Amino acid sequence: MLYGIVAAATALLLSALLTAVLRAPALRLGILDRRRRRPVPLSGGAAVALVTGLVAIAGDRAGAAPLGTGVVRLLTAAACVGVLGLAVDVWRLRWWVPLAGTAVAAALVVPYGETGAVAGVLAAGWIVAVTAAFRGMDHADGLAGAVGTVTAFGVAACAAAELMDGIAVPLSVLAAALAGFLLHNWHPARAALGAGGSLFTGFVIASAAVFVRAGQGTGAGAGVLFALTAVVCADAVLVVLARRLARWPLTRGRPDHLGHRLRRLGLAPRAVAVLPGAAALGGVLVGVAVHTGRMSGGAVWWVAAAAAVLVLALVRLPVTPVFRARQRSSSVSPQVTEQLRVRNG
């Protein structure tokens, strides 16, 4: 318990420091995103991934929080997914490349001995879907960090309830690292996760949740997994449904995610992060309560109903097209504009 607190505090401070340190190299290398016509370096992802891995490995080597073979394999696979995401940030790889890499990594980490073959394949598919959906959350200041922090703490609580310290500690460290990153990600953001950080975070959270629920029943397990990631799942369903209704290609970017639509409703930029974060907290509390037996499995249906209402209420809200590079504000330097133009193809 004491070690977990120390590890989390260390991760928070290191992540905040490293995110700031990596901003300059990210700007020089042109690893940037655009938020409301301003360049944002993608230094947060590398900081979160590095801090999570280093603190978790340090605890394992010191014997304070042994990870176990399965968790080591999970973190190794997550690191590979994160590196692949970083390659996407740098070279703008085709959409199917990170998807295929995540699928391979997910297939290698699922505990088939506890889930069974069929449920294991379904779990691997769910990991891929949540990982990809979490990447889609990194489009608004503070949104991915807030939802990721809450969700990681929720999965850590479920693991702690099962006395699975090898999973609980790394998830707590990840949550604290995301909290440290959030210090630089609140509006106006000075850093973002990027594909590398968001894919790493989504993969760790989804895979760890599968580990925690493995062997506890497919139906009940699916309900808890959904409750823990309700906001991420709602955002993914919202995007897929809206693009199908608009006959827009699923793989072509469009400002139609949850954060975009909340902004269209007139919400302040920080409210766009706070409200989904609060909604994620509600889903996490239900998921943890159902997992620990404090609520019946039927409580998950209330979370599903709330998510469905949210999707149906926002799916018809008009969205605006993405600004092309030549339409960006003249306040951005020509060098940065050219870097963004090249990165966006």
Foldseek 3Di string as FASTA:
>chain_A
DVLLVVLLVVLLVQLLVQLVVCLVVQVVLLLWDADQQDTAGARNQVSLLVSLVVSLVVCCVVVNFNQDPLRVLLNVLLQVLLVVQVCCSRAVDAPVVSLVSLLVSLLVRQPCVQAPDVSSNVLSVVLSLQLVLLLVQQRAFQASLLLLLLLLQLLLLLCVLVVNRSLNSSSSSSSSSSNSCSVQRHPVHNHTNGRSRSSSSSNSSSSSLSVSCGNVDSVLSVLLSCLSCVLSVLQSVLLVVLCVVVVHDSRDDFQRGQLSQVVVVVDDRNCSRVVSSVLSNVSSVVSSCCSNVVDPSVVSVVSVVVSVVSSVVRSPRDGDGDDALVPRDPVDDPVSSVSVNSSVD
